[in-house]
C-alpha cells in the first residue's frame, strides 16, 4: 500500500465521496467533485479509502506530496539509530588496558549506543570460568552509574558475554 497521498483515479470505482473542503463536509457525487477540482485547478486527493463513502479533499497533489516527503525526511533526521558496539577482552587483561576498555564503553554508552562485552578464554582458561564471570561483574559495577545490564552474564562457548544499555534519563 502506498504510504503517501493518492489521487482519485478512474481505477478507483466509486459514485459518491465525502468531500472535506475548508468548512464543507458533505457527501457529493464523484462527477461534482471532479468538476469542482477542475474549476479550482486542483487535484482530488484521497484522505481515507477504507471509509464508506471514501473521504477526499481538494489540494495540489505535487505540493502535498512534497510536504509529506519533507516531514518524513525531518523525522528521519531526528531519530537516533542505536548501534551495538562490542568490546573484547581476555581474562588476563592488564589494569591499564581494562581501564581503557571501560573508557571506551563509557564513551559508547554516553553517545546512546549499546555495548556488548565479550571475555574470551583460551585453552585451560575455560576451566577457570569463574575469573571471567568475576571480570564481567567488575565491568558491570564500574559502569553501573551510566548503564544497565540487559539479560544476564552468560557463557557462550569459550567466552562470557554481557550486554549493557544506556540508562534512561
N, C-alpha and C. Protein backbone atom coordinates (compact mmCIF):
# COMPACT_ATOMS: atom_id res chain seq x y z
N UNK A 1 0.86 -1.19 0.00
CA UNK A 1 0.00 0.00 0.00
C UNK A 1 0.89 1.24 0.00
N UNK A 2 0.54 2.19 -0.81
CA UNK A 2 1.29 3.43 -0.91
C UNK A 2 1.08 4.27 0.36
N UNK A 3 2.16 4.76 0.96
CA UNK A 3 2.06 5.49 2.22
C UNK A 3 1.82 6.98 2.02
N UNK A 4 2.13 7.51 0.85
CA UNK A 4 1.93 8.93 0.58
C UNK A 4 0.51 9.20 0.13
N UNK A 5 0.23 10.45 -0.19
CA UNK A 5 -1.12 10.81 -0.67
C UNK A 5 -1.42 10.18 -2.02
N UNK A 6 -2.71 9.92 -2.28
CA UNK A 6 -3.16 9.31 -3.53
C UNK A 6 -4.18 10.20 -4.21
N UNK A 7 -4.18 10.13 -5.53
CA UNK A 7 -5.17 10.86 -6.32
C UNK A 7 -6.31 9.91 -6.67
N UNK A 8 -7.52 10.45 -6.72
CA UNK A 8 -8.68 9.66 -7.12
C UNK A 8 -8.57 9.39 -8.62
N UNK A 9 -8.31 8.14 -8.99
CA UNK A 9 -8.10 7.76 -10.39
C UNK A 9 -9.30 6.98 -10.90
N UNK A 10 -9.40 6.80 -12.24
CA UNK A 10 -10.54 6.05 -12.80
C UNK A 10 -10.58 4.59 -12.33
N UNK A 11 -9.42 4.03 -11.93
CA UNK A 11 -9.41 2.64 -11.46
C UNK A 11 -10.18 2.48 -10.15
N UNK A 12 -10.25 3.55 -9.38
CA UNK A 12 -11.00 3.53 -8.12
C UNK A 12 -12.45 3.83 -8.46
N UNK A 13 -13.28 2.81 -8.40
CA UNK A 13 -14.68 2.94 -8.85
C UNK A 13 -15.59 3.26 -7.67
N UNK A 14 -15.94 4.53 -7.55
CA UNK A 14 -16.90 4.99 -6.55
C UNK A 14 -17.81 6.00 -7.22
N UNK A 15 -19.06 6.05 -6.76
CA UNK A 15 -20.00 7.01 -7.32
C UNK A 15 -20.15 8.23 -6.42
N UNK A 16 -20.00 8.03 -5.10
CA UNK A 16 -20.12 9.13 -4.16
C UNK A 16 -18.88 9.19 -3.28
N UNK A 17 -18.53 10.40 -2.87
CA UNK A 17 -17.39 10.60 -1.97
C UNK A 17 -17.77 11.64 -0.93
N UNK A 18 -17.08 11.60 0.23
CA UNK A 18 -17.26 12.63 1.25
C UNK A 18 -16.18 13.68 1.02
N UNK A 19 -16.58 14.88 0.69
CA UNK A 19 -15.67 15.98 0.39
C UNK A 19 -15.43 16.80 1.64
N UNK A 20 -14.16 16.92 2.02
CA UNK A 20 -13.76 17.79 3.13
C UNK A 20 -13.01 18.94 2.48
N UNK A 21 -13.61 20.12 2.52
CA UNK A 21 -13.00 21.28 1.87
C UNK A 21 -13.26 22.50 2.74
N UNK A 22 -12.27 22.87 3.53
CA UNK A 22 -12.44 24.02 4.43
C UNK A 22 -13.48 23.69 5.48
N UNK A 23 -14.60 24.43 5.47
CA UNK A 23 -15.67 24.17 6.44
C UNK A 23 -16.74 23.24 5.87
N UNK A 24 -16.58 22.83 4.61
CA UNK A 24 -17.53 21.90 3.99
C UNK A 24 -17.18 20.46 4.37
N UNK A 25 -18.19 19.68 4.68
CA UNK A 25 -18.03 18.27 4.98
C UNK A 25 -19.33 17.59 4.55
N UNK A 26 -19.38 17.19 3.27
CA UNK A 26 -20.64 16.66 2.75
C UNK A 26 -20.39 15.55 1.73
N UNK A 27 -21.41 14.72 1.55
CA UNK A 27 -21.33 13.63 0.57
C UNK A 27 -21.83 14.18 -0.76
N UNK A 28 -20.97 14.07 -1.80
CA UNK A 28 -21.33 14.56 -3.13
C UNK A 28 -20.97 13.51 -4.16
N UNK A 29 -21.46 13.69 -5.37
CA UNK A 29 -21.16 12.73 -6.43
C UNK A 29 -19.72 12.91 -6.90
N UNK A 30 -19.19 11.87 -7.48
CA UNK A 30 -17.81 11.90 -7.97
C UNK A 30 -17.65 12.95 -9.07
N UNK A 31 -18.64 13.03 -9.98
CA UNK A 31 -18.56 13.99 -11.07
C UNK A 31 -18.51 15.42 -10.55
N UNK A 32 -19.29 15.72 -9.51
CA UNK A 32 -19.31 17.08 -8.95
C UNK A 32 -17.95 17.43 -8.35
N UNK A 33 -17.33 16.48 -7.67
CA UNK A 33 -16.01 16.71 -7.06
C UNK A 33 -14.97 16.93 -8.15
N UNK A 34 -15.01 16.11 -9.20
CA UNK A 34 -14.03 16.26 -10.28
C UNK A 34 -14.22 17.58 -11.01
N UNK A 35 -15.48 18.02 -11.20
CA UNK A 35 -15.76 19.29 -11.86
C UNK A 35 -15.26 20.46 -10.99
N UNK A 36 -15.50 20.38 -9.69
CA UNK A 36 -15.05 21.42 -8.76
C UNK A 36 -13.52 21.50 -8.74
N UNK A 37 -12.86 20.36 -8.78
CA UNK A 37 -11.39 20.33 -8.79
C UNK A 37 -10.85 20.95 -10.06
N UNK A 38 -11.52 20.69 -11.19
CA UNK A 38 -11.08 21.26 -12.47
C UNK A 38 -11.25 22.77 -12.48
N UNK A 39 -12.34 23.26 -11.89
CA UNK A 39 -12.58 24.70 -11.82
C UNK A 39 -11.50 25.41 -10.99
N UNK A 40 -11.10 24.78 -9.89
CA UNK A 40 -10.11 25.38 -8.98
C UNK A 40 -8.67 25.03 -9.37
N UNK A 41 -8.51 24.22 -10.41
CA UNK A 41 -7.20 23.78 -10.87
C UNK A 41 -6.44 23.03 -9.75
N UNK A 42 -7.17 22.12 -9.09
CA UNK A 42 -6.61 21.30 -8.01
C UNK A 42 -6.82 19.82 -8.32
N UNK A 43 -6.28 18.95 -7.49
CA UNK A 43 -6.46 17.52 -7.65
C UNK A 43 -7.38 17.00 -6.55
N UNK A 44 -8.04 15.85 -6.84
CA UNK A 44 -8.87 15.19 -5.84
C UNK A 44 -7.98 14.18 -5.13
N UNK A 45 -7.64 14.48 -3.87
CA UNK A 45 -6.71 13.66 -3.09
C UNK A 45 -7.50 12.82 -2.10
N UNK A 46 -7.20 11.52 -2.05
CA UNK A 46 -7.90 10.60 -1.16
C UNK A 46 -7.32 10.74 0.24
N UNK A 47 -8.18 10.97 1.22
CA UNK A 47 -7.77 11.01 2.62
C UNK A 47 -7.92 9.61 3.22
N UNK A 48 -9.06 8.97 2.99
CA UNK A 48 -9.31 7.63 3.52
C UNK A 48 -10.15 6.85 2.52
N UNK A 49 -9.59 5.76 2.02
CA UNK A 49 -10.29 4.93 1.05
C UNK A 49 -11.12 3.85 1.75
N UNK A 50 -10.79 3.56 3.04
CA UNK A 50 -11.47 2.48 3.76
C UNK A 50 -12.87 2.85 4.22
N UNK A 51 -13.13 4.16 4.45
CA UNK A 51 -14.44 4.56 4.94
C UNK A 51 -15.48 4.48 3.82
N UNK A 52 -16.72 4.54 4.23
CA UNK A 52 -17.80 4.44 3.24
C UNK A 52 -18.69 5.66 3.40
N UNK A 53 -18.80 6.56 2.45
CA UNK A 53 -18.06 6.66 1.20
C UNK A 53 -16.63 7.15 1.46
N UNK A 54 -15.72 6.94 0.49
CA UNK A 54 -14.33 7.37 0.67
C UNK A 54 -14.23 8.89 0.92
N UNK A 55 -13.29 9.28 1.77
CA UNK A 55 -13.10 10.69 2.12
C UNK A 55 -12.03 11.28 1.20
N UNK A 56 -12.36 12.43 0.59
CA UNK A 56 -11.42 13.10 -0.31
C UNK A 56 -11.37 14.59 0.05
N UNK A 57 -10.30 15.24 -0.46
CA UNK A 57 -10.22 16.69 -0.34
C UNK A 57 -9.55 17.25 -1.58
N UNK A 58 -9.71 18.53 -1.80
CA UNK A 58 -9.12 19.19 -2.97
C UNK A 58 -7.80 19.81 -2.54
N UNK A 59 -6.74 19.46 -3.26
CA UNK A 59 -5.41 20.01 -2.93
C UNK A 59 -4.51 19.88 -4.15
N UNK A 60 -3.40 20.60 -4.13
CA UNK A 60 -2.39 20.49 -5.17
C UNK A 60 -1.55 19.25 -4.83
N UNK A 61 -1.67 18.21 -5.63
CA UNK A 61 -1.03 16.92 -5.32
C UNK A 61 0.49 17.03 -5.24
N UNK A 62 1.11 17.75 -6.14
CA UNK A 62 2.56 17.89 -6.13
C UNK A 62 3.05 18.55 -4.84
N UNK A 63 2.37 19.61 -4.42
CA UNK A 63 2.74 20.32 -3.19
C UNK A 63 2.51 19.43 -1.97
N UNK A 64 1.38 18.72 -1.94
CA UNK A 64 1.06 17.84 -0.82
C UNK A 64 2.07 16.70 -0.71
N UNK A 65 2.44 16.13 -1.85
CA UNK A 65 3.41 15.04 -1.86
C UNK A 65 4.78 15.54 -1.39
N UNK A 66 5.18 16.73 -1.82
CA UNK A 66 6.45 17.32 -1.39
C UNK A 66 6.47 17.54 0.12
N UNK A 67 5.38 18.09 0.66
CA UNK A 67 5.32 18.34 2.11
C UNK A 67 5.36 17.04 2.90
N UNK A 68 4.70 16.00 2.41
CA UNK A 68 4.73 14.70 3.08
C UNK A 68 6.14 14.14 3.11
N UNK A 69 6.83 14.20 1.98
CA UNK A 69 8.22 13.72 1.91
C UNK A 69 9.13 14.54 2.81
N UNK A 70 8.89 15.84 2.87
CA UNK A 70 9.70 16.72 3.72
C UNK A 70 9.53 16.36 5.19
N UNK A 71 8.30 16.08 5.61
CA UNK A 71 8.05 15.67 7.00
C UNK A 71 8.75 14.35 7.32
N UNK A 72 8.73 13.41 6.36
CA UNK A 72 9.41 12.13 6.56
C UNK A 72 10.92 12.32 6.71
N UNK A 73 11.50 13.19 5.87
CA UNK A 73 12.94 13.47 5.97
C UNK A 73 13.30 14.09 7.30
N UNK A 74 12.48 15.03 7.77
CA UNK A 74 12.74 15.68 9.07
C UNK A 74 12.66 14.67 10.20
N UNK A 75 11.67 13.79 10.15
CA UNK A 75 11.53 12.77 11.20
C UNK A 75 12.72 11.82 11.19
N UNK A 76 13.20 11.50 10.00
CA UNK A 76 14.34 10.60 9.88
C UNK A 76 15.61 11.25 10.42
N UNK A 77 15.77 12.57 10.24
CA UNK A 77 16.93 13.29 10.75
C UNK A 77 16.99 13.23 12.27
N UNK A 78 15.82 13.33 12.91
CA UNK A 78 15.77 13.42 14.37
C UNK A 78 15.93 12.07 15.05
N UNK A 79 15.71 10.98 14.36
CA UNK A 79 15.80 9.69 15.04
C UNK A 79 17.25 9.23 15.16
N UNK A 80 17.54 8.53 16.24
CA UNK A 80 18.89 8.04 16.50
C UNK A 80 18.88 6.53 16.37
N UNK A 81 19.74 6.00 15.53
CA UNK A 81 19.85 4.56 15.36
C UNK A 81 20.81 4.04 16.42
N UNK A 82 20.33 3.08 17.22
CA UNK A 82 21.15 2.53 18.28
C UNK A 82 22.01 1.40 17.70
N UNK A 83 23.32 1.58 17.82
CA UNK A 83 24.25 0.56 17.37
C UNK A 83 24.68 -0.27 18.57
N UNK A 84 25.13 -1.48 18.31
CA UNK A 84 25.71 -2.32 19.35
C UNK A 84 27.22 -2.34 19.11
N UNK A 85 27.95 -1.76 20.06
CA UNK A 85 29.40 -1.73 19.99
C UNK A 85 29.93 -2.90 20.82
N UNK A 86 30.93 -3.58 20.30
CA UNK A 86 31.46 -4.74 21.02
C UNK A 86 32.84 -4.44 21.58
N UNK A 87 33.04 -4.84 22.83
CA UNK A 87 34.34 -4.70 23.49
C UNK A 87 34.80 -6.11 23.84
N UNK A 88 36.00 -6.45 23.39
CA UNK A 88 36.55 -7.79 23.63
C UNK A 88 37.72 -7.70 24.60
N UNK A 89 37.78 -8.65 25.52
CA UNK A 89 38.86 -8.73 26.50
C UNK A 89 39.21 -10.20 26.71
N UNK A 90 40.32 -10.41 27.41
CA UNK A 90 40.66 -11.75 27.87
C UNK A 90 40.69 -11.72 29.39
N UNK A 91 40.75 -12.88 30.00
CA UNK A 91 40.76 -12.98 31.45
C UNK A 91 42.02 -12.34 32.02
N UNK A 92 43.11 -12.41 31.31
CA UNK A 92 44.40 -11.92 31.80
C UNK A 92 44.68 -10.48 31.36
N UNK A 93 43.66 -9.64 31.25
CA UNK A 93 43.83 -8.26 30.81
C UNK A 93 44.54 -7.45 31.89
N UNK A 94 45.42 -6.55 31.49
CA UNK A 94 46.12 -5.67 32.43
C UNK A 94 45.20 -4.58 32.95
N UNK A 95 45.56 -3.98 34.07
CA UNK A 95 44.69 -2.97 34.68
C UNK A 95 44.53 -1.74 33.79
N UNK A 96 45.63 -1.28 33.18
CA UNK A 96 45.53 -0.10 32.32
C UNK A 96 44.68 -0.41 31.08
N UNK A 97 44.87 -1.60 30.50
CA UNK A 97 44.06 -2.00 29.33
C UNK A 97 42.59 -2.09 29.72
N UNK A 98 42.32 -2.62 30.91
CA UNK A 98 40.94 -2.74 31.39
C UNK A 98 40.32 -1.35 31.54
N UNK A 99 41.07 -0.41 32.12
CA UNK A 99 40.56 0.95 32.29
C UNK A 99 40.27 1.60 30.95
N UNK A 100 41.11 1.31 29.95
CA UNK A 100 40.87 1.83 28.60
C UNK A 100 39.58 1.28 28.02
N UNK A 101 39.34 -0.02 28.23
CA UNK A 101 38.10 -0.65 27.75
C UNK A 101 36.88 -0.02 28.43
N UNK A 102 37.00 0.27 29.74
CA UNK A 102 35.90 0.91 30.46
C UNK A 102 35.65 2.31 29.90
N UNK A 103 36.72 3.04 29.58
CA UNK A 103 36.56 4.38 29.00
C UNK A 103 35.88 4.31 27.63
N UNK A 104 36.26 3.33 26.82
CA UNK A 104 35.60 3.16 25.52
C UNK A 104 34.12 2.86 25.71
N UNK A 105 33.81 1.96 26.63
CA UNK A 105 32.41 1.60 26.89
C UNK A 105 31.64 2.82 27.38
N UNK A 106 32.26 3.62 28.24
CA UNK A 106 31.61 4.84 28.75
C UNK A 106 31.27 5.78 27.60
N UNK A 107 32.23 5.97 26.69
CA UNK A 107 32.00 6.85 25.54
C UNK A 107 30.86 6.32 24.66
N UNK A 108 30.84 5.00 24.43
CA UNK A 108 29.78 4.40 23.61
C UNK A 108 28.42 4.58 24.27
N UNK A 109 28.35 4.32 25.57
CA UNK A 109 27.07 4.42 26.29
C UNK A 109 26.57 5.86 26.34
N UNK A 110 27.49 6.82 26.52
CA UNK A 110 27.08 8.22 26.58
C UNK A 110 26.59 8.73 25.23
N UNK A 111 27.07 8.12 24.14
CA UNK A 111 26.57 8.53 22.83
C UNK A 111 25.26 7.81 22.46
N UNK A 112 24.75 6.97 23.38
CA UNK A 112 23.45 6.33 23.18
C UNK A 112 23.50 4.95 22.58
N UNK A 113 24.69 4.38 22.41
CA UNK A 113 24.81 3.04 21.83
C UNK A 113 24.82 1.97 22.92
N UNK A 114 24.48 0.75 22.53
CA UNK A 114 24.56 -0.38 23.45
C UNK A 114 25.96 -0.97 23.37
N UNK A 115 26.37 -1.65 24.43
CA UNK A 115 27.70 -2.25 24.48
C UNK A 115 27.56 -3.73 24.77
N UNK A 116 28.25 -4.54 23.95
CA UNK A 116 28.32 -5.97 24.20
C UNK A 116 29.77 -6.27 24.61
N UNK A 117 29.93 -6.83 25.78
CA UNK A 117 31.26 -7.14 26.29
C UNK A 117 31.48 -8.65 26.16
N UNK A 118 32.59 -9.02 25.52
CA UNK A 118 32.94 -10.42 25.34
C UNK A 118 34.29 -10.67 26.00
N UNK A 119 34.31 -11.64 26.89
CA UNK A 119 35.56 -12.02 27.56
C UNK A 119 35.91 -13.41 27.04
N UNK A 120 36.97 -13.47 26.23
CA UNK A 120 37.37 -14.72 25.60
C UNK A 120 38.34 -15.49 26.51
N UNK A 121 38.21 -16.80 26.42
CA UNK A 121 39.10 -17.67 27.18
C UNK A 121 39.77 -18.64 26.22
N UNK A 122 41.08 -18.86 26.41
CA UNK A 122 41.83 -19.76 25.54
C UNK A 122 42.32 -20.95 26.36
N UNK A 123 42.34 -22.10 25.72
CA UNK A 123 42.93 -23.29 26.33
C UNK A 123 42.36 -23.62 27.69
N UNK A 124 43.26 -23.73 28.68
CA UNK A 124 42.85 -24.14 30.03
C UNK A 124 42.13 -23.05 30.80
N UNK A 125 42.08 -21.84 30.23
CA UNK A 125 41.36 -20.76 30.91
C UNK A 125 39.88 -21.09 31.08
N UNK A 126 39.34 -21.94 30.21
CA UNK A 126 37.92 -22.30 30.32
C UNK A 126 37.63 -23.03 31.62
N UNK A 127 38.63 -23.69 32.20
CA UNK A 127 38.43 -24.38 33.48
C UNK A 127 38.25 -23.36 34.61
N UNK A 128 38.74 -22.15 34.40
CA UNK A 128 38.62 -21.10 35.41
C UNK A 128 37.65 -20.02 34.93
N UNK A 129 36.48 -20.45 34.51
CA UNK A 129 35.47 -19.50 34.00
C UNK A 129 35.01 -18.55 35.09
N UNK A 130 35.22 -18.92 36.38
CA UNK A 130 34.83 -18.03 37.47
C UNK A 130 35.60 -16.71 37.40
N UNK A 131 36.84 -16.73 36.87
CA UNK A 131 37.61 -15.49 36.70
C UNK A 131 36.97 -14.59 35.64
N UNK A 132 36.46 -15.20 34.58
CA UNK A 132 35.79 -14.43 33.53
C UNK A 132 34.49 -13.82 34.06
N UNK A 133 33.74 -14.60 34.84
CA UNK A 133 32.50 -14.08 35.43
C UNK A 133 32.81 -12.94 36.40
N UNK A 134 33.89 -13.07 37.17
CA UNK A 134 34.28 -12.01 38.11
C UNK A 134 34.66 -10.73 37.36
N UNK A 135 35.39 -10.87 36.24
CA UNK A 135 35.76 -9.72 35.42
C UNK A 135 34.51 -9.06 34.83
N UNK A 136 33.56 -9.87 34.38
CA UNK A 136 32.32 -9.34 33.82
C UNK A 136 31.53 -8.57 34.88
N UNK A 137 31.46 -9.12 36.10
CA UNK A 137 30.75 -8.42 37.18
C UNK A 137 31.45 -7.10 37.53
N UNK A 138 32.78 -7.10 37.51
CA UNK A 138 33.53 -5.88 37.79
C UNK A 138 33.25 -4.83 36.71
N UNK A 139 33.15 -5.27 35.45
CA UNK A 139 32.84 -4.39 34.33
C UNK A 139 31.46 -3.75 34.53
N UNK A 140 30.49 -4.56 34.94
CA UNK A 140 29.13 -4.06 35.18
C UNK A 140 29.14 -3.04 36.31
N UNK A 141 29.85 -3.35 37.41
CA UNK A 141 29.90 -2.45 38.56
C UNK A 141 30.57 -1.13 38.18
N UNK A 142 31.63 -1.19 37.39
CA UNK A 142 32.34 0.03 37.00
C UNK A 142 31.48 0.94 36.11
N UNK A 143 30.51 0.37 35.42
CA UNK A 143 29.66 1.16 34.51
C UNK A 143 28.22 1.31 35.01
N UNK A 144 27.95 0.94 36.26
CA UNK A 144 26.56 0.93 36.74
C UNK A 144 25.95 2.32 36.84
N UNK A 145 26.77 3.39 36.96
CA UNK A 145 26.19 4.73 37.07
C UNK A 145 25.66 5.25 35.74
N UNK A 146 26.11 4.71 34.59
CA UNK A 146 25.62 5.20 33.30
C UNK A 146 24.94 4.12 32.47
N UNK A 147 24.90 2.88 32.97
CA UNK A 147 24.31 1.80 32.16
C UNK A 147 23.51 0.85 33.02
N UNK A 148 22.76 0.02 32.33
CA UNK A 148 22.03 -1.07 32.99
C UNK A 148 22.25 -2.32 32.17
N UNK A 149 22.30 -3.45 32.86
CA UNK A 149 22.59 -4.70 32.19
C UNK A 149 21.32 -5.24 31.54
N UNK A 150 21.44 -5.77 30.35
CA UNK A 150 20.32 -6.40 29.64
C UNK A 150 20.51 -7.90 29.76
N UNK A 151 19.53 -8.58 30.30
CA UNK A 151 19.65 -10.03 30.47
C UNK A 151 20.59 -10.34 31.61
N UNK A 152 21.44 -11.32 31.40
CA UNK A 152 22.37 -11.71 32.45
C UNK A 152 23.73 -12.00 31.81
N UNK A 153 24.71 -12.23 32.69
CA UNK A 153 26.03 -12.61 32.22
C UNK A 153 25.95 -14.09 31.86
N UNK A 154 26.37 -14.45 30.64
CA UNK A 154 26.18 -15.84 30.20
C UNK A 154 27.43 -16.36 29.50
N UNK A 155 27.55 -17.68 29.55
CA UNK A 155 28.68 -18.36 28.91
C UNK A 155 28.23 -18.80 27.52
N UNK A 156 28.98 -18.42 26.50
CA UNK A 156 28.68 -18.83 25.13
C UNK A 156 29.94 -19.45 24.55
N UNK A 157 30.01 -20.76 24.54
CA UNK A 157 31.19 -21.45 24.03
C UNK A 157 32.39 -21.19 24.92
N UNK A 158 33.44 -20.60 24.34
CA UNK A 158 34.66 -20.29 25.10
C UNK A 158 34.71 -18.84 25.54
N UNK A 159 33.56 -18.19 25.61
CA UNK A 159 33.56 -16.78 26.02
C UNK A 159 32.37 -16.49 26.94
N UNK A 160 32.55 -15.44 27.73
CA UNK A 160 31.49 -14.95 28.62
C UNK A 160 31.03 -13.62 28.04
N UNK A 161 29.73 -13.45 27.86
CA UNK A 161 29.20 -12.22 27.24
C UNK A 161 28.17 -11.56 28.15
N UNK A 162 28.06 -10.26 27.99
CA UNK A 162 27.03 -9.49 28.66
C UNK A 162 26.70 -8.29 27.79
N UNK A 163 25.49 -7.78 27.94
CA UNK A 163 25.05 -6.62 27.16
C UNK A 163 24.64 -5.50 28.11
N UNK A 164 25.09 -4.30 27.79
CA UNK A 164 24.74 -3.12 28.57
C UNK A 164 24.03 -2.11 27.67
N UNK A 165 23.05 -1.43 28.24
CA UNK A 165 22.38 -0.36 27.50
C UNK A 165 22.44 0.91 28.34
N UNK A 166 22.40 2.08 27.71
CA UNK A 166 22.47 3.33 28.48
C UNK A 166 21.26 3.47 29.38
N UNK A 167 21.47 4.08 30.54
CA UNK A 167 20.35 4.33 31.47
C UNK A 167 19.45 5.39 30.89
N UNK A 168 18.15 5.23 31.14
CA UNK A 168 17.18 6.23 30.70
C UNK A 168 17.32 7.47 31.56
N UNK A 169 17.22 8.64 30.91
CA UNK A 169 17.40 9.90 31.64
C UNK A 169 16.09 10.34 32.25
